[in-house]
Amino acid sequence: MIQIRYLVLLVLLALPLARPAGAIETDGREAILMDASTGAVLFEKDADVPMPPASMSKLMTVYLVFERLKAGQLSLEDTLPVSDNAWKKGGFKSGSSTMALKPRTRAKVEDLLRGIIVQSGNDACIVFAEALSGSEEDFAREMERKGREIGLQGSSFRNSTGWPHPEHRMTARDLATLAMRTIRDFPQYYHYYSELEFTYNGIKQHNRNPLLYKNMGADGLKTGHTKEAGYGLTASVKRNDRRLVLVINGLESKEVRAREPERLLEWGFRHFGNYAMFKAGDKVMNANVWLGSQGTVPLIIENDLEITMPRQARRDMKVFVRMEEPVPAPIIKGSKIAQLVIQAPDTKDIEVPLTAGADIERLGFVGRLGAALEYIVWGGSN
């Protein structure tokens, strides 16, 4: 029989707010706002629609470079050749974003990285693509393979730069996932995303991320713009131990791109909170055992549980355990036997498996007979 046991937790204390947490809209065509610690989606708009990502797709180019640096296959001091192709397709001659590389020279890996991250240099992207995969086409295929590997479900890459192509697409959700993976996987290199300026070949250029110039905790990541895509931004803001990641695209101007992401991020920090519920290995409660050597088995949560929810919703939050009880013996330690369920208004239910915290052997025949008689006489409580 499926039973529900309600838990009384201190986190049920109310923090009332006047405004409903879900009351926000955006002029962005696509958008998603996520909590980086819990993965909770605070707001989304067409977040799974494939869109032209423009230069925001350079995040994947940089991810692959970071991966090689971490593996020791590449060094920041290494130099790579600048081909005529990289200069023509990604330099001043094409009218695109550039770090002003000169053809038939060599450039240091660290400079190329900064040229992509700070200056959005298409030429630097093509240099990496040719050096690491032989051609930009092969590098794009590697981008797509890696994207699938790290959970990008709606992305297809056709170049290393984000240059307009009808099949070069990413979703806002994928960009947010990629941003969070970059932050988590490469903390030793992520600081490049917060650099405000970079000078190369005597030309100083400034980072185009407008949030970096505001005192709001922004530390990355990447802007994008083409006529088809509009103005976009993938941004990260950290305050104390909390980080929010925002992706927004399809804005009408640089001025709107400077204002709208800030507004959405401030709303996210203001209306949502993170709440630690349990630590890994905590016992949530005991479950009754049927015909076992012990009358109860502890229910254990395997991983730290921290949730994100509207601050206003805490007063109406319900926490309970759903399970079939009594649990028949034998029970193997670590087996999943229950679900911890957290419910709150205007939020999706959170369900977390609970596992047996001990091995429970099944009683022998005499013991089972005695337990059955006891159950008939006294009921199911142990």
Protein backbone atom coordinates (compact mmCIF):
# COMPACT_ATOMS: atom_id res chain seq x y z
CA MET A 1 0.00 0.00 0.00
CA ILE A 2 1.37 3.42 -0.98
CA GLN A 3 1.58 5.68 2.04
CA ILE A 4 2.52 9.32 2.47
CA ARG A 5 4.36 10.55 5.52
CA TYR A 6 4.50 14.31 6.01
CA LEU A 7 7.61 15.88 7.49
CA VAL A 8 7.69 18.96 9.66
CA LEU A 9 10.69 21.09 8.71
CA LEU A 10 11.92 24.48 9.80
CA VAL A 11 12.06 25.58 6.18
CA LEU A 12 8.28 25.93 6.21
CA LEU A 13 8.60 29.32 7.91
CA ALA A 14 6.97 32.01 5.82
CA LEU A 15 8.76 34.88 4.16
CA PRO A 16 5.78 36.76 2.67
CA LEU A 17 6.26 39.03 -0.33
CA ALA A 18 3.73 41.27 -1.97
CA ARG A 19 4.35 40.42 -5.62
CA PRO A 20 3.85 36.98 -7.23
CA ALA A 21 7.24 35.53 -8.14
CA GLY A 22 6.14 34.52 -11.64
CA ALA A 23 5.00 37.98 -12.72
CA ILE A 24 7.66 38.95 -15.24
CA GLU A 25 7.92 39.20 -19.00
CA THR A 26 10.69 40.09 -21.42
CA ASP A 27 11.06 41.63 -24.85
CA GLY A 28 13.67 39.04 -25.66
CA ARG A 29 12.62 36.57 -28.35
CA GLU A 30 14.14 33.63 -26.46
CA ALA A 31 15.30 33.59 -22.86
CA ILE A 32 16.06 31.39 -19.88
CA LEU A 33 17.15 32.21 -16.34
CA MET A 34 18.61 29.39 -14.25
CA ASP A 35 20.16 28.84 -10.85
CA ALA A 36 23.59 27.34 -11.43
CA SER A 37 23.70 25.39 -8.15
CA THR A 38 20.35 23.62 -8.35
CA GLY A 39 19.62 23.79 -12.07
CA ALA A 40 16.22 25.30 -11.31
CA VAL A 41 14.62 27.31 -14.11
CA LEU A 42 13.37 30.62 -12.74
CA PHE A 43 12.03 31.94 -16.03
CA GLU A 44 11.93 30.79 -19.62
CA LYS A 45 10.54 31.93 -22.95
CA ASP A 46 10.85 29.70 -26.01
CA ALA A 47 13.96 28.25 -24.39
CA ASP A 48 13.92 25.10 -26.55
CA VAL A 49 13.45 26.82 -29.91
CA PRO A 50 16.59 26.50 -32.06
CA MET A 51 17.82 30.03 -32.75
CA PRO A 52 20.76 31.71 -34.47
CA PRO A 53 23.20 32.13 -31.58
CA ALA A 54 25.64 34.44 -33.37
CA SER A 55 28.86 34.85 -31.38
CA MET A 56 27.38 33.21 -28.29
CA SER A 57 28.22 29.89 -29.96
CA LYS A 58 31.88 30.81 -29.48
CA LEU A 59 31.34 29.46 -25.97
CA MET A 60 31.61 25.98 -27.46
CA THR A 61 34.76 26.87 -29.39
CA VAL A 62 36.36 28.08 -26.17
CA TYR A 63 35.06 25.04 -24.27
CA LEU A 64 36.97 22.73 -26.62
CA VAL A 65 40.14 24.80 -26.19
CA PHE A 66 39.78 24.76 -22.40
CA GLU A 67 39.33 21.00 -22.55
CA ARG A 68 42.62 20.54 -24.39
CA LEU A 69 44.40 22.87 -21.99
CA LYS A 70 43.11 20.93 -19.00
CA ALA A 71 44.17 17.62 -20.58
CA GLY A 72 47.67 18.93 -21.23
CA GLN A 73 47.27 18.62 -25.02
CA LEU A 74 47.73 22.36 -25.39
CA SER A 75 49.58 25.06 -23.46
CA LEU A 76 48.80 28.74 -23.01
CA GLU A 77 52.31 29.45 -24.30
CA ASP A 78 51.94 27.39 -27.48
CA THR A 79 51.72 29.30 -30.75
CA LEU A 80 49.43 28.47 -33.66
CA PRO A 81 49.67 29.50 -37.33
CA VAL A 82 47.41 32.18 -38.77
CA SER A 83 46.34 31.08 -42.24
CA ASP A 84 45.23 33.33 -45.08
CA ASN A 85 41.80 31.71 -44.69
CA ALA A 86 41.57 32.73 -41.01
CA TRP A 87 42.64 36.26 -41.88
CA LYS A 88 40.23 36.64 -44.81
CA LYS A 89 37.17 35.00 -43.25
CA GLY A 90 37.69 36.31 -39.73
CA GLY A 91 39.56 39.57 -40.11
CA PHE A 92 39.03 43.17 -41.08
CA LYS A 93 38.71 42.25 -44.74
CA SER A 94 35.37 40.52 -44.08
CA GLY A 95 34.05 43.30 -41.87
CA SER A 96 33.55 40.85 -38.99
CA SER A 97 34.64 40.90 -35.36
CA THR A 98 38.39 40.42 -35.20
CA MET A 99 41.39 40.47 -32.90
CA ALA A 100 43.49 41.90 -35.76
CA LEU A 101 45.66 38.88 -36.47
CA LYS A 102 48.15 39.12 -39.33
CA PRO A 103 48.29 36.38 -41.97
CA ARG A 104 51.22 33.95 -42.11
CA THR A 105 52.24 34.68 -38.54
CA ARG A 106 51.88 32.69 -35.33
CA ALA A 107 49.80 33.69 -32.31
CA LYS A 108 50.03 32.51 -28.71
CA VAL A 109 47.18 30.36 -27.43
CA GLU A 110 46.49 32.65 -24.49
CA ASP A 111 46.26 35.67 -26.80
CA LEU A 112 43.91 33.78 -29.10
CA LEU A 113 41.67 32.88 -26.17
CA ARG A 114 41.51 36.48 -25.01
CA GLY A 115 40.91 37.53 -28.58
CA ILE A 116 37.80 35.36 -28.70
CA ILE A 117 36.48 36.06 -25.23
CA VAL A 118 37.18 39.79 -24.98
CA GLN A 119 37.16 40.86 -28.64
CA SER A 120 34.89 38.16 -30.13
CA GLY A 121 37.53 37.54 -32.78
CA ASN A 122 36.32 35.34 -35.60
CA ASP A 123 39.88 35.10 -36.87
CA ALA A 124 41.03 33.56 -33.58
CA CYS A 125 38.22 31.00 -33.72
CA ILE A 126 39.26 29.87 -37.19
CA VAL A 127 42.91 29.61 -36.13
CA PHE A 128 41.90 27.23 -33.32
CA ALA A 129 39.58 25.27 -35.60
CA GLU A 130 42.26 24.71 -38.23
CA ALA A 131 45.00 23.93 -35.71
CA LEU A 132 42.96 21.52 -33.57
CA SER A 133 40.85 19.73 -36.21
CA GLY A 134 42.42 20.46 -39.57
CA SER A 135 39.52 22.51 -40.90
CA GLU A 136 36.64 24.58 -39.63
CA GLU A 137 34.17 22.03 -40.95
CA ASP A 138 35.77 19.20 -38.98
CA PHE A 139 35.98 21.39 -35.89
CA ALA A 140 32.26 22.15 -36.18
CA ARG A 141 31.57 18.42 -36.21
CA GLU A 142 33.65 18.09 -33.05
CA MET A 143 31.65 20.94 -31.50
CA GLU A 144 28.46 19.04 -32.23
CA ARG A 145 29.79 15.75 -30.80
CA LYS A 146 30.95 17.44 -27.63
CA GLY A 147 27.66 19.27 -27.35
CA ARG A 148 25.75 16.00 -27.36
CA GLU A 149 28.16 14.58 -24.80
CA ILE A 150 27.56 17.40 -22.30
CA GLY A 151 23.80 17.48 -22.76
CA LEU A 152 23.09 20.02 -25.52
CA GLN A 153 19.93 18.63 -27.09
CA GLY A 154 18.98 21.34 -29.58
CA SER A 155 22.28 22.55 -31.01
CA SER A 156 23.85 22.07 -34.43
CA PHE A 157 27.15 23.69 -35.39
CA ARG A 158 28.43 24.53 -38.84
CA ASN A 159 31.33 26.82 -38.01
CA SER A 160 33.52 27.94 -35.12
CA THR A 161 32.42 31.57 -35.06
CA GLY A 162 28.64 31.82 -35.09
CA TRP A 163 28.74 33.28 -38.59
CA PRO A 164 25.20 33.14 -40.08
CA HIS A 165 24.30 29.72 -41.45
CA PRO A 166 20.78 28.27 -41.73
CA GLU A 167 21.83 25.09 -39.90
CA HIS A 168 23.98 26.72 -37.21
CA ARG A 169 21.56 26.79 -34.29
CA MET A 170 21.46 26.62 -30.50
CA THR A 171 18.67 26.85 -27.94
CA ALA A 172 18.70 29.19 -24.98
CA ARG A 173 18.61 26.16 -22.68
CA ASP A 174 21.66 24.68 -24.38
CA LEU A 175 23.58 27.93 -24.04
CA ALA A 176 22.76 28.06 -20.33
CA THR A 177 23.88 24.44 -19.94
CA LEU A 178 27.11 25.19 -21.80
CA ALA A 179 27.77 28.26 -19.64
CA MET A 180 27.31 26.28 -16.43
CA ARG A 181 29.50 23.45 -17.68
CA THR A 182 32.22 25.97 -18.59
CA ILE A 183 32.13 27.48 -15.11
CA ARG A 184 32.13 24.11 -13.37
CA ASP A 185 34.57 22.23 -15.61
CA PHE A 186 37.24 24.91 -16.04
CA PRO A 187 37.51 27.12 -12.94
CA GLN A 188 41.22 27.64 -13.66
CA TYR A 189 40.43 29.31 -17.01
CA TYR A 190 37.02 30.88 -16.45
CA HIS A 191 38.55 34.18 -15.26
CA TYR A 192 39.22 35.16 -18.89
CA TYR A 193 35.50 35.81 -19.27
CA SER A 194 35.64 38.70 -16.80
CA GLU A 195 38.46 40.62 -18.51
CA LEU A 196 37.35 44.09 -19.55
CA GLU A 197 39.87 44.83 -22.30
CA PHE A 198 42.63 43.30 -24.40
CA THR A 199 45.23 44.90 -26.66
CA TYR A 200 46.73 43.03 -29.59
CA ASN A 201 48.82 44.38 -32.47
CA GLY A 202 48.45 47.82 -30.93
CA ILE A 203 44.66 47.76 -31.04
CA LYS A 204 42.79 47.96 -27.73
CA GLN A 205 39.29 46.51 -27.64
CA HIS A 206 36.81 46.31 -24.79
CA ASN A 207 34.64 43.42 -23.68
CA ARG A 208 31.15 43.80 -25.14
CA ASN A 209 29.38 42.24 -22.14
CA PRO A 210 27.58 45.27 -20.65
CA LEU A 211 27.04 43.64 -17.25
CA LEU A 212 30.77 43.50 -16.53
CA TYR A 213 30.79 47.28 -16.16
CA LYS A 214 28.05 47.29 -13.53
CA ASN A 215 28.55 46.58 -9.85
CA MET A 216 26.27 43.54 -9.79
CA GLY A 217 28.59 40.51 -9.55
CA ALA A 218 28.79 39.70 -13.27
CA ASP A 219 31.81 37.62 -14.29
CA GLY A 220 30.99 36.42 -17.84
CA LEU A 221 30.20 35.20 -20.46
CA LYS A 222 29.49 36.24 -24.12
CA THR A 223 27.50 38.58 -26.32
CA GLY A 224 26.20 37.89 -29.80
CA HIS A 225 24.71 39.86 -32.66
CA THR A 226 23.72 39.34 -36.26
CA LYS A 227 20.83 40.79 -38.23
CA GLU A 228 18.92 37.51 -38.00
CA ALA A 229 19.73 36.80 -34.35
CA GLY A 230 19.27 40.29 -32.97
CA TYR A 231 21.25 41.24 -29.88
CA GLY A 232 21.93 38.46 -27.39
CA LEU A 233 23.81 37.76 -24.19
CA THR A 234 24.78 34.72 -22.18
CA ALA A 235 25.56 36.06 -18.70
CA SER A 236 26.59 34.84 -15.28
CA VAL A 237 26.24 36.76 -12.03
CA LYS A 238 27.50 35.50 -8.68
CA ARG A 239 26.53 36.91 -5.31
CA ASN A 240 27.95 35.23 -2.23
CA ASP A 241 27.43 31.49 -2.80
CA ARG A 242 24.66 31.89 -5.36
CA ARG A 243 25.07 32.11 -9.12
CA LEU A 244 22.43 32.81 -11.76
CA VAL A 245 22.92 32.21 -15.47
CA LEU A 246 20.86 34.08 -18.05
CA VAL A 247 20.55 33.60 -21.79
CA ILE A 248 18.56 36.10 -23.80
CA ASN A 249 18.41 36.66 -27.55
CA GLY A 250 16.49 38.64 -30.14
CA LEU A 251 16.78 42.04 -28.45
CA GLU A 252 16.48 45.09 -30.66
CA SER A 253 19.56 47.09 -29.72
CA LYS A 254 22.73 47.31 -27.65
CA GLU A 255 20.93 49.67 -25.30
CA VAL A 256 18.20 47.14 -24.60
CA ARG A 257 20.87 44.43 -24.16
CA ALA A 258 22.47 46.58 -21.47
CA ARG A 259 19.19 47.00 -19.56
CA GLU A 260 17.05 43.90 -19.99
CA PRO A 261 19.50 41.24 -18.72
CA GLU A 262 20.17 43.31 -15.60
CA ARG A 263 16.44 43.61 -14.93
CA LEU A 264 15.84 39.86 -15.26
CA LEU A 265 18.82 38.92 -13.11
CA GLU A 266 17.89 41.36 -10.35
CA TRP A 267 14.38 39.90 -10.39
CA GLY A 268 15.80 36.40 -10.06
CA PHE A 269 17.95 37.24 -7.05
CA ARG A 270 15.15 39.20 -5.42
CA HIS A 271 12.24 36.79 -5.83
CA PHE A 272 13.93 33.40 -5.50
CA GLY A 273 16.02 31.84 -2.78
CA ASN A 274 18.10 28.70 -2.33
CA TYR A 275 17.31 26.51 0.65
CA ALA A 276 19.44 23.67 1.97
CA MET A 277 17.20 20.75 2.91
CA PHE A 278 19.46 17.77 3.61
CA LYS A 279 23.11 16.79 3.49
CA ALA A 280 24.29 13.66 1.70
CA GLY A 281 23.84 10.66 4.00
CA ASP A 282 21.20 12.28 6.22
CA LYS A 283 18.47 10.04 7.57
CA VAL A 284 15.12 11.46 6.55
CA MET A 285 12.98 9.03 8.55
CA ASN A 286 12.49 5.33 9.36
CA ALA A 287 10.28 3.03 7.33
CA ASN A 288 8.49 0.04 8.82
CA VAL A 289 9.77 -3.35 7.65
CA TRP A 290 7.66 -6.45 7.04
CA LEU A 291 9.07 -9.79 8.17
CA GLY A 292 12.58 -8.45 8.68
CA SER A 293 15.27 -8.97 11.29
CA GLN A 294 14.79 -5.30 12.20
CA GLY A 295 11.44 -3.57 12.57
CA THR A 296 12.47 -0.44 10.71
CA VAL A 297 14.99 0.65 8.09
CA PRO A 298 16.42 4.18 7.85
CA LEU A 299 15.65 6.14 4.69
CA ILE A 300 18.78 7.95 3.50
CA ILE A 301 19.24 10.78 1.02
CA GLU A 302 22.23 10.10 -1.20
CA ASN A 303 23.25 13.63 -2.23
CA ASP A 304 23.07 17.12 -0.81
CA LEU A 305 19.62 18.54 -1.46
CA GLU A 306 19.35 22.26 -2.07
CA ILE A 307 16.26 23.66 -3.74
CA THR A 308 15.41 26.92 -5.45
CA MET A 309 11.93 28.32 -5.12
CA PRO A 310 10.05 31.61 -4.93
CA ARG A 311 10.62 33.08 -1.50
CA GLN A 312 6.88 33.67 -1.22
CA ALA A 313 6.10 30.00 -1.82
CA ARG A 314 7.91 28.74 1.29
CA ARG A 315 4.93 29.26 3.58
CA ASP A 316 2.82 26.84 1.53
CA MET A 317 5.56 24.28 0.85
CA LYS A 318 4.82 20.64 1.66
CA VAL A 319 7.48 18.00 2.21
CA PHE A 320 6.53 14.33 2.40
CA VAL A 321 7.76 10.82 1.74
CA ARG A 322 5.88 8.58 -0.68
CA MET A 323 6.46 4.84 -0.31
CA GLU A 324 4.89 1.41 -0.07
CA GLU A 325 4.91 0.49 3.60
CA PRO A 326 5.75 -1.81 5.29
CA VAL A 327 8.80 -2.57 3.17
CA PRO A 328 9.16 -6.34 2.72
CA ALA A 329 12.43 -7.95 3.76
CA PRO A 330 15.05 -8.74 2.64
CA ILE A 331 16.28 -5.19 2.01
CA ILE A 332 19.64 -4.40 0.43
CA LYS A 333 21.46 -1.31 1.65
CA GLY A 334 21.40 1.38 -1.02
CA SER A 335 18.26 0.13 -2.75
CA LYS A 336 15.72 2.80 -3.63
CA ILE A 337 12.56 2.29 -1.60
CA ALA A 338 10.89 5.69 -1.28
CA GLN A 339 10.55 9.17 -2.78
CA LEU A 340 11.00 12.47 -1.00
CA VAL A 341 8.52 14.89 -2.56
CA ILE A 342 8.59 18.68 -2.23
CA GLN A 343 5.58 20.66 -3.41
CA ALA A 344 5.02 24.41 -3.52
CA PRO A 345 2.60 26.70 -5.37
CA ASP A 346 3.49 27.56 -8.97
CA THR A 347 6.49 25.23 -9.01
CA LYS A 348 7.08 21.76 -10.39
CA ASP A 349 7.18 18.97 -7.84
CA ILE A 350 10.68 17.98 -6.79
CA GLU A 351 11.13 14.24 -6.30
CA VAL A 352 14.29 12.73 -4.84
CA PRO A 353 14.85 8.99 -4.27
CA LEU A 354 15.49 7.73 -0.75
CA THR A 355 17.57 4.61 -0.24
CA ALA A 356 17.79 1.95 2.46
CA GLY A 357 20.43 2.82 5.01
CA ALA A 358 21.00 -0.76 6.17
CA ASP A 359 20.80 -4.40 5.10
CA ILE A 360 17.76 -6.08 6.62
CA GLU A 361 17.59 -9.85 6.51
CA ARG A 362 14.34 -11.74 6.14
CA LEU A 363 13.15 -13.62 9.19
CA GLY A 364 13.18 -17.40 9.18
CA PHE A 365 9.98 -19.42 9.08
CA VAL A 366 9.33 -19.30 12.85
CA GLY A 367 10.09 -15.59 13.00
CA ARG A 368 7.82 -14.86 10.02
CA LEU A 369 5.00 -16.87 11.65
CA GLY A 370 5.37 -14.94 14.90
CA ALA A 371 5.46 -11.60 13.10
CA ALA A 372 2.36 -12.49 11.12
CA LEU A 373 0.47 -13.45 14.28
CA GLU A 374 1.60 -10.24 15.97
CA TYR A 375 0.37 -8.25 12.97
CA ILE A 376 -3.04 -9.96 13.10
CA VAL A 377 -3.40 -9.31 16.84
CA TRP A 378 -1.82 -5.88 17.25
CA GLY A 379 -1.90 -4.33 13.77
CA GLY A 380 0.89 -3.09 11.54
CA SER A 381 2.92 -0.94 13.93
CA ASN A 382 6.37 -2.20 14.97
